[in-house]
Amino acid sequence: MEVLRDMQIQGTKVPHLVILPLPFQGHINPMLQLATLLQSKGFSITLIHTHFNSPNPSNYPNFNFEPIPDGLSDSQLWTEDPVKILYFLNDTCQAPFHDRLSRLLSDGPVTCIITDEIFYFTKAVADQLKLPRILLNTGSATYATTTASLKLLQQNGLLSITVGPLCKFSPGSSNSLLTQDYSCMAWLDKQAPQTVIYVSFGSTASFDKRNVVEIAWGLANSDQPFLWVIRRGSIHGHDQVELPEGFEEKTRERGQIVNWAPQQKVLAHPSVGGFWTHNGWNSTLESICEGVPMICSPYLWDQNLNARYVSHVWRVGIQLENGFDRSEIEWAIRRLMVEIEGKDIRERVRDLKENAMHCIEKGGSSYESLDGLVDIIMSL
C-alpha cells in the first residue's frame, strides 16, 4: 500500500490500530499474525491484552503492549471449562478495556479497534468512545456462515472478508503461549519420511484418564512412530499424566512425548505423515498448508464442523466417530499411514495445499482481500 508509505515519508501521523485478542492459543495466533501483516502495511499497532495468557512483547518489538486486569484466579484456570472463562472475561474486562482505550485516545487518535468477535463487550466500549470496530472471526468461513447470515451482516453495514491462511501470510511469527520443546525436531530427523503420526489436541482440550489409556494403547498397537503432545492440564483433575503400565516399554523405540511442540515446524517436517488433531481451525489450516492428512477428534465449538469438512467434504482425513477406543484408533492410524486409502487422502490434501497457497499469492483471493481490508481501515 503505497499510500501508507507516503504518509510516513511526509511526516503525517501513522494510522493507529488497537488490537484486542482473545487469550487462547487458537485465537491469539491469527490475531497476532494479522497485526503483523497490518504493521508491515504501515500501521502503528497497540496490543491490549489480559494478564491471562499474555503474549511475549519481545517477540513483537514494534508493537506497543498495554495489559489490563482480567480477574482470573489460578484455581479458575485449572478448574473452569473454557466457555465459563469466556463469559467471565466478557464481564470483567469491559471496564479496564474502556479505561485503557480512553487513556490511549488522550494521547492521540485511534483509527479503529480490531477485536476477537467472542469479546462481545467491545461493542459497548466502541460505541461509547465512538470508535470503528472490526471483528476477527478466527474460525473457518463455513463456520461463520452457519452462525450468522452474511447477507444480514452486509445489510446492517458489516462486511465480511477471509484473509487467510494467516499462518502462511505471516509464518515467522512466534505466538506460542507455552514453552515449545524443540528436542522433538532432532528425534523427527531420525525417522523415515512420512512415517510419524503427530498427536496434539490443542491448548484447551482435556480428557479423563480412561481416554488417555485408550489413546496410549491405540498408538502403541498401531506399530507406527508417533510424536505425542501431552501438556499440563490435559487430564481432568491431574497435573501429571500417568501412562498405562507397559506402554513406555512397548513404544520406547518409536515414540516421543513432549509437553508442547513447535507445531508448524513439526507439520512441515518430512518425517510427519499424519496429524491426529482436535480440528481447531488454526491446527486444521496448518495441517492443510503443509499437505498433512488428519485424524479428527473434535472437542467443542467449531471443531465438529471442521472435522466433518476434513473427513467428509474435502476427504483429507478420517474422523474417529466413537470417541476414544483403542481398536478404532489403531485402525484409523493404519488406514491413514499405511493402507491404500491413506495414499488417496494424501493426494487430495496435496491438491488442497496448492489451492491454499494460490490464495495468498499476488492476485489470489486472500491477497486481494487483505488489500481490501487495508483500504476499509483507511476509509474509516
Protein backbone atom coordinates (compact mmCIF):
# COMPACT_ATOMS: atom_id res chain seq x y z
CA MET A 1 0.00 0.00 0.00
CA GLU A 2 1.93 3.00 -1.31
CA VAL A 3 -0.41 5.50 0.38
CA LEU A 4 0.74 4.41 3.85
CA ARG A 5 4.41 4.61 2.95
CA ASP A 6 3.93 8.12 1.52
CA MET A 7 2.22 9.25 4.73
CA GLN A 8 5.25 8.20 6.76
CA ILE A 9 7.69 9.96 4.42
CA GLN A 10 5.72 13.21 4.57
CA GLY A 11 5.57 13.10 8.36
CA THR A 12 1.81 12.57 8.64
CA LYS A 13 0.79 10.66 11.76
CA VAL A 14 0.77 6.92 11.10
CA PRO A 15 -2.70 5.31 11.36
CA HIS A 16 -3.06 3.72 14.80
CA LEU A 17 -4.80 0.36 15.32
CA VAL A 18 -5.71 -1.05 18.73
CA ILE A 19 -5.82 -4.85 18.81
CA LEU A 20 -7.54 -6.99 21.47
CA PRO A 21 -7.05 -10.77 21.09
CA LEU A 22 -8.95 -13.45 22.97
CA PRO A 23 -6.39 -15.03 25.35
CA PHE A 24 -6.46 -18.57 23.97
CA GLN A 25 -3.79 -20.03 21.70
CA GLY A 26 -6.09 -20.62 18.74
CA HIS A 27 -7.30 -17.00 18.86
CA ILE A 28 -4.08 -15.19 19.74
CA ASN A 29 -2.16 -16.78 16.84
CA PRO A 30 -4.28 -15.43 13.98
CA MET A 31 -4.79 -12.05 15.68
CA LEU A 32 -1.04 -11.51 16.07
CA GLN A 33 -0.45 -12.76 12.54
CA LEU A 34 -2.99 -10.24 11.26
CA ALA A 35 -1.46 -7.47 13.37
CA THR A 36 1.99 -8.31 11.98
CA LEU A 37 0.63 -8.10 8.45
CA LEU A 38 -1.04 -4.75 9.10
CA GLN A 39 2.10 -3.39 10.75
CA SER A 40 4.01 -4.33 7.58
CA LYS A 41 1.48 -2.25 5.63
CA GLY A 42 2.42 0.83 7.66
CA PHE A 43 0.02 0.82 10.63
CA SER A 44 1.05 1.52 14.21
CA ILE A 45 -0.11 -1.33 16.47
CA THR A 46 -1.10 -1.21 20.14
CA LEU A 47 -1.94 -4.59 21.63
CA ILE A 48 -4.23 -4.50 24.66
CA HIS A 49 -4.13 -7.88 26.38
CA THR A 50 -5.22 -9.70 29.54
CA HIS A 51 -2.75 -10.91 32.15
CA PHE A 52 -4.03 -14.43 31.46
CA ASN A 53 -2.04 -15.89 28.56
CA SER A 54 -0.33 -12.59 27.85
CA PRO A 55 1.87 -12.62 24.71
CA ASN A 56 5.62 -12.05 24.90
CA PRO A 57 6.43 -8.41 23.97
CA SER A 58 10.00 -9.32 22.99
CA ASN A 59 8.61 -11.25 20.01
CA TYR A 60 6.99 -8.07 18.70
CA PRO A 61 9.39 -5.17 19.34
CA ASN A 62 7.43 -2.82 17.04
CA PHE A 63 4.14 -3.23 18.92
CA ASN A 64 3.04 -1.24 21.94
CA PHE A 65 1.76 -3.59 24.68
CA GLU A 66 -0.89 -2.49 27.20
CA PRO A 67 -2.00 -5.05 29.84
CA ILE A 68 -5.41 -4.96 31.52
CA PRO A 69 -6.54 -6.93 34.61
CA ASP A 70 -8.84 -9.88 33.96
CA GLY A 71 -9.75 -11.03 37.48
CA LEU A 72 -8.95 -14.69 36.82
CA SER A 73 -7.53 -16.74 39.67
CA ASP A 74 -5.19 -19.71 39.29
CA SER A 75 -7.89 -22.06 40.57
CA GLN A 76 -10.28 -20.87 37.84
CA LEU A 77 -7.70 -21.51 35.14
CA TRP A 78 -7.34 -25.17 36.11
CA THR A 79 -10.92 -25.97 37.13
CA GLU A 80 -13.25 -23.88 34.97
CA ASP A 81 -14.12 -25.02 31.47
CA PRO A 82 -13.15 -22.63 28.63
CA VAL A 83 -16.75 -21.47 27.98
CA LYS A 84 -17.18 -20.28 31.59
CA ILE A 85 -13.85 -18.44 31.37
CA LEU A 86 -15.04 -16.64 28.23
CA TYR A 87 -18.22 -15.42 29.94
CA PHE A 88 -16.17 -14.34 32.94
CA LEU A 89 -13.70 -12.37 30.80
CA ASN A 90 -16.52 -10.60 28.97
CA ASP A 91 -17.87 -9.46 32.35
CA THR A 92 -14.58 -8.39 33.94
CA CYS A 93 -12.66 -6.86 31.03
CA GLN A 94 -15.12 -4.22 29.84
CA ALA A 95 -14.26 -1.53 32.40
CA PRO A 96 -10.44 -1.88 32.24
CA PHE A 97 -10.55 -2.04 28.43
CA HIS A 98 -12.61 1.17 28.35
CA ASP A 99 -10.20 2.89 30.74
CA ARG A 100 -7.08 1.83 28.83
CA LEU A 101 -8.57 2.80 25.48
CA SER A 102 -9.65 6.20 26.84
CA ARG A 103 -6.09 6.80 28.04
CA LEU A 104 -4.73 5.95 24.58
CA LEU A 105 -7.20 8.35 22.98
CA SER A 106 -6.00 11.14 25.26
CA ASP A 107 -2.53 10.71 23.72
CA GLY A 108 -3.74 10.77 20.12
CA PRO A 109 -6.30 9.43 17.65
CA VAL A 110 -7.07 5.76 17.14
CA THR A 111 -8.09 4.75 13.62
CA CYS A 112 -10.10 1.72 14.77
CA ILE A 113 -10.05 -1.24 17.11
CA ILE A 114 -9.78 -4.86 15.95
CA THR A 115 -11.07 -7.42 18.43
CA ASP A 116 -11.89 -11.10 18.54
CA GLU A 117 -15.60 -11.49 17.84
CA ILE A 118 -16.06 -13.53 21.03
CA PHE A 119 -15.18 -10.42 23.05
CA TYR A 120 -18.70 -9.07 22.57
CA PHE A 121 -18.30 -6.46 25.32
CA THR A 122 -16.13 -4.41 22.96
CA LYS A 123 -19.20 -3.20 21.05
CA ALA A 124 -20.39 -1.19 24.04
CA VAL A 125 -16.91 0.29 24.53
CA ALA A 126 -16.54 1.18 20.84
CA ASP A 127 -19.99 2.81 20.82
CA GLN A 128 -19.24 4.85 23.95
CA LEU A 129 -15.92 6.09 22.57
CA LYS A 130 -17.26 6.49 19.02
CA LEU A 131 -14.60 4.26 17.51
CA PRO A 132 -14.98 1.95 14.49
CA ARG A 133 -14.68 -1.73 15.39
CA ILE A 134 -13.54 -4.61 13.18
CA LEU A 135 -14.16 -8.19 14.33
CA LEU A 136 -11.82 -11.09 13.66
CA ASN A 137 -13.52 -14.47 13.35
CA THR A 138 -10.72 -16.99 13.85
CA GLY A 139 -12.81 -19.93 12.66
CA SER A 140 -13.47 -21.06 9.11
CA ALA A 141 -15.65 -19.19 6.63
CA THR A 142 -18.05 -22.13 6.64
CA TYR A 143 -18.44 -21.90 10.40
CA ALA A 144 -19.14 -18.19 10.10
CA THR A 145 -21.94 -18.81 7.64
CA THR A 146 -23.54 -21.35 9.96
CA THR A 147 -23.60 -18.93 12.88
CA ALA A 148 -24.64 -15.77 11.07
CA SER A 149 -26.11 -14.77 7.77
CA LEU A 150 -23.55 -12.94 5.65
CA LYS A 151 -26.32 -11.15 3.77
CA LEU A 152 -27.84 -9.92 7.03
CA LEU A 153 -24.43 -8.70 8.21
CA GLN A 154 -23.91 -6.78 4.99
CA GLN A 155 -27.39 -5.25 5.14
CA ASN A 156 -26.51 -3.90 8.57
CA GLY A 157 -23.28 -2.35 7.36
CA LEU A 158 -21.00 -5.15 8.48
CA LEU A 159 -18.72 -6.50 5.76
CA SER A 160 -17.19 -9.97 5.89
CA ILE A 161 -13.76 -10.50 4.25
CA THR A 162 -11.49 -14.12 4.59
CA VAL A 163 -7.86 -13.13 4.63
CA GLY A 164 -6.21 -16.45 5.44
CA PRO A 165 -4.44 -18.74 5.79
CA LEU A 166 -2.74 -16.24 8.11
CA CYS A 167 -0.24 -18.89 9.23
CA LYS A 168 1.29 -18.71 5.72
CA PHE A 169 0.84 -14.97 5.26
CA SER A 170 2.85 -14.38 8.43
CA PRO A 171 4.86 -17.58 9.02
CA GLY A 172 7.69 -16.03 11.03
CA SER A 173 5.55 -15.00 13.99
CA SER A 174 6.25 -16.74 17.30
CA ASN A 175 2.95 -16.73 19.18
CA SER A 176 3.10 -19.82 21.38
CA LEU A 177 1.80 -19.26 24.89
CA LEU A 178 3.52 -22.42 26.12
CA THR A 179 7.22 -23.26 26.08
CA GLN A 180 7.96 -25.25 22.94
CA ASP A 181 10.16 -28.34 23.21
CA TYR A 182 12.43 -28.28 20.16
CA SER A 183 14.14 -31.55 21.13
CA CYS A 184 11.44 -33.36 19.18
CA MET A 185 12.86 -31.93 15.94
CA ALA A 186 16.10 -33.90 16.37
CA TRP A 187 14.01 -37.01 17.03
CA LEU A 188 11.98 -36.38 13.87
CA ASP A 189 15.22 -36.09 11.89
CA LYS A 190 15.91 -39.75 12.67
CA GLN A 191 12.56 -41.02 11.37
CA ALA A 192 11.76 -42.21 7.84
CA PRO A 193 9.78 -39.87 5.54
CA GLN A 194 6.02 -39.65 6.16
CA THR A 195 6.01 -42.33 8.86
CA VAL A 196 5.30 -40.32 12.03
CA ILE A 197 1.80 -39.61 13.32
CA TYR A 198 1.83 -36.29 15.20
CA VAL A 199 -0.73 -36.16 18.05
CA SER A 200 -1.86 -32.88 19.61
CA PHE A 201 -5.29 -31.83 20.82
CA GLY A 202 -4.60 -28.11 21.23
CA SER A 203 -4.23 -25.81 24.18
CA THR A 204 -7.64 -26.19 25.88
CA ALA A 205 -8.94 -29.75 25.38
CA SER A 206 -8.77 -32.08 28.37
CA PHE A 207 -9.74 -35.72 28.88
CA ASP A 208 -10.36 -38.22 31.63
CA LYS A 209 -7.80 -40.91 32.48
CA ARG A 210 -9.72 -43.60 30.61
CA ASN A 211 -9.39 -41.63 27.35
CA VAL A 212 -5.64 -41.30 27.85
CA VAL A 213 -5.32 -45.06 28.33
CA GLU A 214 -7.22 -45.71 25.09
CA ILE A 215 -5.13 -43.14 23.20
CA ALA A 216 -1.92 -44.66 24.54
CA TRP A 217 -2.79 -48.24 23.58
CA GLY A 218 -4.17 -47.16 20.22
CA LEU A 219 -0.81 -45.56 19.44
CA ALA A 220 1.14 -48.50 20.81
CA ASN A 221 -0.84 -51.12 18.91
CA SER A 222 -0.63 -49.25 15.60
CA ASP A 223 3.11 -50.04 15.37
CA GLN A 224 3.59 -46.57 13.88
CA PRO A 225 6.15 -43.96 15.07
CA PHE A 226 4.43 -41.13 16.94
CA LEU A 227 5.10 -37.71 18.46
CA TRP A 228 2.52 -37.10 21.22
CA VAL A 229 1.95 -33.72 22.88
CA ILE A 230 0.71 -34.07 26.47
CA ARG A 231 0.53 -30.64 28.05
CA ARG A 232 -0.20 -29.71 31.63
CA GLY A 233 -3.96 -29.68 32.17
CA SER A 234 -4.63 -32.40 29.59
CA ILE A 235 -6.16 -34.72 32.20
CA HIS A 236 -9.18 -33.74 34.29
CA GLY A 237 -8.14 -33.13 37.88
CA HIS A 238 -4.49 -34.15 37.39
CA ASP A 239 -1.35 -32.06 36.98
CA GLN A 240 0.73 -35.02 35.80
CA VAL A 241 -0.14 -37.73 33.28
CA GLU A 242 0.30 -41.37 34.28
CA LEU A 243 0.62 -43.58 31.23
CA PRO A 244 -0.51 -47.23 31.46
CA GLU A 245 1.91 -49.88 32.64
CA GLY A 246 3.82 -51.44 29.76
CA PHE A 247 3.18 -48.57 27.33
CA GLU A 248 6.63 -46.99 27.60
CA GLU A 249 8.38 -50.34 27.21
CA LYS A 250 6.38 -51.19 24.09
CA THR A 251 6.90 -47.81 22.41
CA ARG A 252 10.36 -46.76 23.62
CA GLU A 253 12.00 -47.19 20.20
CA ARG A 254 9.33 -45.40 18.17
CA GLY A 255 7.56 -42.89 20.41
CA GLN A 256 8.33 -39.38 21.66
CA ILE A 257 6.25 -37.43 24.20
CA VAL A 258 6.64 -33.68 24.80
CA ASN A 259 4.78 -31.06 26.82
CA TRP A 260 4.36 -28.75 23.83
CA ALA A 261 5.76 -28.80 20.30
CA PRO A 262 6.59 -26.15 17.67
CA GLN A 263 3.60 -27.27 15.66
CA GLN A 264 4.17 -25.53 12.34
CA LYS A 265 7.76 -26.81 12.22
CA VAL A 266 6.61 -30.30 13.14
CA LEU A 267 3.93 -30.37 10.43
CA ALA A 268 6.46 -29.12 7.88
CA HIS A 269 8.95 -31.87 8.76
CA PRO A 270 9.32 -34.54 6.03
CA SER A 271 9.01 -37.42 8.50
CA VAL A 272 5.46 -36.40 9.55
CA GLY A 273 2.82 -38.26 7.57
CA GLY A 274 -0.31 -37.63 9.62
CA PHE A 275 -1.78 -35.32 12.27
CA TRP A 276 -4.23 -36.55 14.92
CA THR A 277 -5.93 -33.31 15.89
CA HIS A 278 -8.87 -31.73 17.71
CA ASN A 279 -9.52 -29.75 14.49
CA GLY A 280 -9.28 -26.26 15.87
CA TRP A 281 -9.22 -24.03 12.81
CA ASN A 282 -5.58 -23.00 13.29
CA SER A 283 -4.43 -26.61 13.51
CA THR A 284 -6.62 -27.62 10.57
CA LEU A 285 -5.26 -24.82 8.39
CA GLU A 286 -1.66 -25.50 9.39
CA SER A 287 -2.07 -29.16 8.50
CA ILE A 288 -3.62 -28.37 5.12
CA CYS A 289 -0.92 -25.79 4.36
CA GLU A 290 1.78 -28.41 4.92
CA GLY A 291 -0.09 -31.10 3.00
CA VAL A 292 -0.51 -33.36 6.06
CA PRO A 293 -3.67 -35.54 6.25
CA MET A 294 -5.58 -35.73 9.52
CA ILE A 295 -7.26 -37.99 12.03
CA CYS A 296 -10.10 -35.97 13.56
CA SER A 297 -11.19 -35.90 17.23
CA PRO A 298 -13.16 -32.64 17.66
CA TYR A 299 -13.66 -31.31 21.18
CA LEU A 300 -16.01 -28.26 21.12
CA TRP A 301 -17.13 -25.10 19.26
CA ASP A 302 -16.42 -25.10 15.53
CA GLN A 303 -14.25 -28.20 15.72
CA ASN A 304 -17.09 -30.62 14.89
CA LEU A 305 -17.85 -28.75 11.67
CA ASN A 306 -14.16 -28.50 10.77
CA ALA A 307 -13.70 -32.25 11.34
CA ARG A 308 -16.70 -33.05 9.16
CA TYR A 309 -15.32 -30.94 6.33
CA VAL A 310 -11.90 -32.56 6.65
CA SER A 311 -13.26 -36.11 6.66
CA HIS A 312 -16.43 -35.99 4.56
CA VAL A 313 -16.27 -32.93 2.26
CA TRP A 314 -12.62 -32.40 1.38
CA ARG A 315 -11.85 -36.05 2.28
CA VAL A 316 -8.35 -35.24 3.53
CA GLY A 317 -8.72 -37.07 6.83
CA ILE A 318 -10.51 -39.72 8.88
CA GLN A 319 -12.87 -38.91 11.75
CA LEU A 320 -13.00 -41.08 14.87
CA GLU A 321 -16.76 -41.49 15.18
CA ASN A 322 -16.92 -43.30 18.54
CA GLY A 323 -14.75 -41.23 20.82
CA PHE A 324 -11.56 -42.85 22.05
CA ASP A 325 -11.47 -46.59 21.52
CA ARG A 326 -8.06 -48.24 21.18
CA SER A 327 -9.07 -50.57 18.36
CA GLU A 328 -10.67 -47.77 16.32
CA ILE A 329 -7.63 -45.56 16.96
CA GLU A 330 -5.27 -48.31 15.82
CA TRP A 331 -7.30 -48.92 12.66
CA ALA A 332 -7.58 -45.18 11.84
CA ILE A 333 -3.81 -44.72 12.13
CA ARG A 334 -3.14 -47.70 9.90
CA ARG A 335 -5.73 -46.57 7.34
CA LEU A 336 -4.11 -43.16 7.15
CA MET A 337 -0.46 -44.14 7.33
CA VAL A 338 -0.03 -47.50 5.60
CA GLU A 339 -3.20 -48.56 3.74
CA ILE A 340 -4.05 -47.62 0.14
CA GLU A 341 -6.81 -45.32 1.43
CA GLY A 342 -4.14 -43.14 3.01
CA LYS A 343 -2.40 -42.71 -0.35
CA ASP A 344 -5.60 -41.30 -1.88
CA ILE A 345 -6.13 -39.00 1.11
CA ARG A 346 -2.55 -37.76 0.81
CA GLU A 347 -3.03 -36.85 -2.84
CA ARG A 348 -6.19 -34.88 -2.05
CA VAL A 349 -4.55 -32.91 0.76
CA ARG A 350 -1.66 -32.01 -1.55
CA ASP A 351 -4.18 -30.57 -4.01
CA LEU A 352 -5.88 -28.64 -1.21
CA LYS A 353 -2.50 -27.29 -0.10
CA GLU A 354 -1.85 -25.96 -3.60
CA ASN A 355 -5.23 -24.21 -3.63
CA ALA A 356 -4.49 -22.59 -0.26
CA MET A 357 -1.11 -21.36 -1.47
CA HIS A 358 -2.66 -19.82 -4.59
CA CYS A 359 -5.00 -17.78 -2.36
CA ILE A 360 -2.13 -15.86 -0.74
CA GLU A 361 -0.14 -15.25 -3.93
CA LYS A 362 -0.42 -11.91 -5.71
CA GLY A 363 -3.79 -11.85 -7.42
CA GLY A 364 -5.18 -14.59 -5.16
CA SER A 365 -8.43 -14.15 -3.27
CA SER A 366 -6.85 -13.74 0.18
CA TYR A 367 -4.12 -11.45 -1.16
CA GLU A 368 -6.78 -9.19 -2.66
CA SER A 369 -8.93 -9.37 0.49
CA LEU A 370 -6.02 -8.22 2.65
CA ASP A 371 -5.51 -5.17 0.45
CA GLY A 372 -9.27 -4.60 0.63
CA LEU A 373 -9.12 -4.69 4.43
CA VAL A 374 -6.37 -2.06 4.45
CA ASP A 375 -8.49 0.14 2.17
CA ILE A 376 -11.50 -0.24 4.50
CA ILE A 377 -9.45 0.74 7.56
CA MET A 378 -8.02 3.76 5.76
CA SER A 379 -11.53 4.93 4.84
CA LEU A 380 -12.75 4.94 8.46
